[in-house]
Amino acid sequence: MVSHRHITVNGDIVNIPSYTLKAGDVVGVREKSKSLQSIQDSLAANSSVYEWMTWNSEKKEGTFVSVPERLQIPENIKEQLIVELYSK
């Protein structure tokens, strides 16, 4: 989605998936992209709300509140495997 220029940060189109957000940045779906079926499906499938971000489903945008602590990220990520991969 990001590489295809469907996402904005603070109103500017972003096409770099590794873009670093700062607290207070507003991330949204580009106006022209809001009607795309793939965007609607992605947003419908992921209704998770985290304390380190706020989400406005009507505007299809959210605010990045703060950098999450490791305990606030529910995904099962094995950091050691990532470190081992990049250390080769």
C-alpha atoms as a PDB file:
ATOM      1  CA  MET A   1       0.000   0.000   0.000  1.00  0.00           C
ATOM      2  CA  VAL A   2       2.798   2.409   0.906  1.00  0.00           C
ATOM      3  CA  SER A   3       4.932   1.622  -2.157  1.00  0.00           C
ATOM      4  CA  HIS A   4       1.935   2.286  -4.403  1.00  0.00           C
ATOM      5  CA  ARG A   5       1.432   5.749  -2.882  1.00  0.00           C
ATOM      6  CA  HIS A   6      -1.901   5.051  -1.159  1.00  0.00           C
ATOM      7  CA  ILE A   7      -0.754   6.302   2.276  1.00  0.00           C
ATOM      8  CA  THR A   8      -0.162   9.846   3.544  1.00  0.00           C
ATOM      9  CA  VAL A   9       1.696  11.146   6.585  1.00  0.00           C
ATOM     10  CA  ASN A  10       0.680  14.621   7.724  1.00  0.00           C
ATOM     11  CA  GLY A  11      -1.052  15.118   4.373  1.00  0.00           C
ATOM     12  CA  ASP A  12       2.016  14.259   2.264  1.00  0.00           C
ATOM     13  CA  ILE A  13       2.112  11.102   0.126  1.00  0.00           C
ATOM     14  CA  VAL A  14       4.637   8.556   1.393  1.00  0.00           C
ATOM     15  CA  ASN A  15       6.100   5.764  -0.754  1.00  0.00           C
ATOM     16  CA  ILE A  16       8.832   4.488   1.573  1.00  0.00           C
ATOM     17  CA  PRO A  17       7.631   1.532   3.694  1.00  0.00           C
ATOM     18  CA  SER A  18      10.360   2.105   6.300  1.00  0.00           C
ATOM     19  CA  TYR A  19       9.342   5.740   6.873  1.00  0.00           C
ATOM     20  CA  THR A  20       9.952   6.653  10.522  1.00  0.00           C
ATOM     21  CA  LEU A  21       7.001   8.216  12.308  1.00  0.00           C
ATOM     22  CA  LYS A  22       7.257  10.770  15.088  1.00  0.00           C
ATOM     23  CA  ALA A  23       4.770  11.215  17.918  1.00  0.00           C
ATOM     24  CA  GLY A  24       1.835  13.272  16.679  1.00  0.00           C
ATOM     25  CA  ASP A  25       2.137  12.244  13.000  1.00  0.00           C
ATOM     26  CA  VAL A  26      -1.196  11.674  11.274  1.00  0.00           C
ATOM     27  CA  VAL A  27      -1.228   8.641   8.977  1.00  0.00           C
ATOM     28  CA  GLY A  28      -4.094   8.270   6.538  1.00  0.00           C
ATOM     29  CA  VAL A  29      -5.333   6.785   3.324  1.00  0.00           C
ATOM     30  CA  ARG A  30      -4.965   9.040   0.302  1.00  0.00           C
ATOM     31  CA  GLU A  31      -8.276  10.591  -0.786  1.00  0.00           C
ATOM     32  CA  LYS A  32      -8.203   8.946  -4.232  1.00  0.00           C
ATOM     33  CA  SER A  33      -7.441   5.539  -2.669  1.00  0.00           C
ATOM     34  CA  LYS A  34     -10.224   5.422  -0.064  1.00  0.00           C
ATOM     35  CA  SER A  35     -12.645   3.756  -2.472  1.00  0.00           C
ATOM     36  CA  LEU A  36     -10.271   0.935  -3.507  1.00  0.00           C
ATOM     37  CA  GLN A  37     -11.568  -2.513  -2.564  1.00  0.00           C
ATOM     38  CA  SER A  38      -8.147  -3.669  -1.298  1.00  0.00           C
ATOM     39  CA  ILE A  39      -7.983  -0.714   1.131  1.00  0.00           C
ATOM     40  CA  GLN A  40     -11.512  -1.339   2.373  1.00  0.00           C
ATOM     41  CA  ASP A  41     -10.794  -5.056   2.841  1.00  0.00           C
ATOM     42  CA  SER A  42      -7.568  -4.349   4.757  1.00  0.00           C
ATOM     43  CA  LEU A  43      -9.256  -1.890   7.084  1.00  0.00           C
ATOM     44  CA  ALA A  44     -12.225  -4.222   7.670  1.00  0.00           C
ATOM     45  CA  ALA A  45      -9.968  -7.184   8.461  1.00  0.00           C
ATOM     46  CA  ASN A  46      -7.834  -5.277  10.969  1.00  0.00           C
ATOM     47  CA  SER A  47      -9.978  -3.671  13.653  1.00  0.00           C
ATOM     48  CA  SER A  48      -7.283  -3.721  16.358  1.00  0.00           C
ATOM     49  CA  VAL A  49      -6.911  -0.599  18.452  1.00  0.00           C
ATOM     50  CA  TYR A  50      -3.706   0.003  20.361  1.00  0.00           C
ATOM     51  CA  GLU A  51      -2.986   2.496  23.123  1.00  0.00           C
ATOM     52  CA  TRP A  52      -0.055   3.984  21.193  1.00  0.00           C
ATOM     53  CA  MET A  53      -2.278   5.129  18.338  1.00  0.00           C
ATOM     54  CA  THR A  54      -5.723   6.599  17.757  1.00  0.00           C
ATOM     55  CA  TRP A  55      -7.919   5.754  14.754  1.00  0.00           C
ATOM     56  CA  ASN A  56     -10.733   7.631  13.033  1.00  0.00           C
ATOM     57  CA  SER A  57     -12.566   5.147  10.803  1.00  0.00           C
ATOM     58  CA  GLU A  58     -14.709   7.826   9.141  1.00  0.00           C
ATOM     59  CA  LYS A  59     -11.671   9.752   7.880  1.00  0.00           C
ATOM     60  CA  LYS A  60      -9.590   6.586   7.486  1.00  0.00           C
ATOM     61  CA  GLU A  61      -6.682   8.126   9.352  1.00  0.00           C
ATOM     62  CA  GLY A  62      -4.948   7.663  12.654  1.00  0.00           C
ATOM     63  CA  THR A  63      -2.554   9.535  14.898  1.00  0.00           C
ATOM     64  CA  PHE A  64       0.683   7.980  16.084  1.00  0.00           C
ATOM     65  CA  VAL A  65       0.686   8.872  19.787  1.00  0.00           C
ATOM     66  CA  SER A  66       3.984   7.406  20.981  1.00  0.00           C
ATOM     67  CA  VAL A  67       6.542   4.698  20.325  1.00  0.00           C
ATOM     68  CA  PRO A  68       5.125   1.478  21.808  1.00  0.00           C
ATOM     69  CA  GLU A  69       6.899  -0.489  24.478  1.00  0.00           C
ATOM     70  CA  ARG A  70       7.640  -4.125  23.596  1.00  0.00           C
ATOM     71  CA  LEU A  71       4.852  -5.328  25.905  1.00  0.00           C
ATOM     72  CA  GLN A  72       2.317  -3.172  24.025  1.00  0.00           C
ATOM     73  CA  ILE A  73       2.911  -5.047  20.738  1.00  0.00           C
ATOM     74  CA  PRO A  74       0.747  -8.194  20.698  1.00  0.00           C
ATOM     75  CA  GLU A  75       2.274  -9.828  17.602  1.00  0.00           C
ATOM     76  CA  ASN A  76       4.478 -12.859  18.174  1.00  0.00           C
ATOM     77  CA  ILE A  77       7.841 -11.463  17.034  1.00  0.00           C
ATOM     78  CA  LYS A  78      11.059 -13.311  17.766  1.00  0.00           C
ATOM     79  CA  GLU A  79      13.657 -10.557  17.858  1.00  0.00           C
ATOM     80  CA  GLN A  80      16.527 -13.002  18.275  1.00  0.00           C
ATOM     81  CA  LEU A  81      15.777 -14.547  14.868  1.00  0.00           C
ATOM     82  CA  ILE A  82      15.881 -11.090  13.264  1.00  0.00           C
ATOM     83  CA  VAL A  83      19.218 -10.311  14.922  1.00  0.00           C
ATOM     84  CA  GLU A  84      20.656 -13.637  13.786  1.00  0.00           C
ATOM     85  CA  LEU A  85      19.518 -13.057  10.202  1.00  0.00           C
ATOM     86  CA  TYR A  86      21.078  -9.598   9.949  1.00  0.00           C
ATOM     87  CA  SER A  87      24.301 -10.599  11.694  1.00  0.00           C
ATOM     88  CA  LYS A  88      25.244 -12.978   8.857  1.00  0.00           C
END
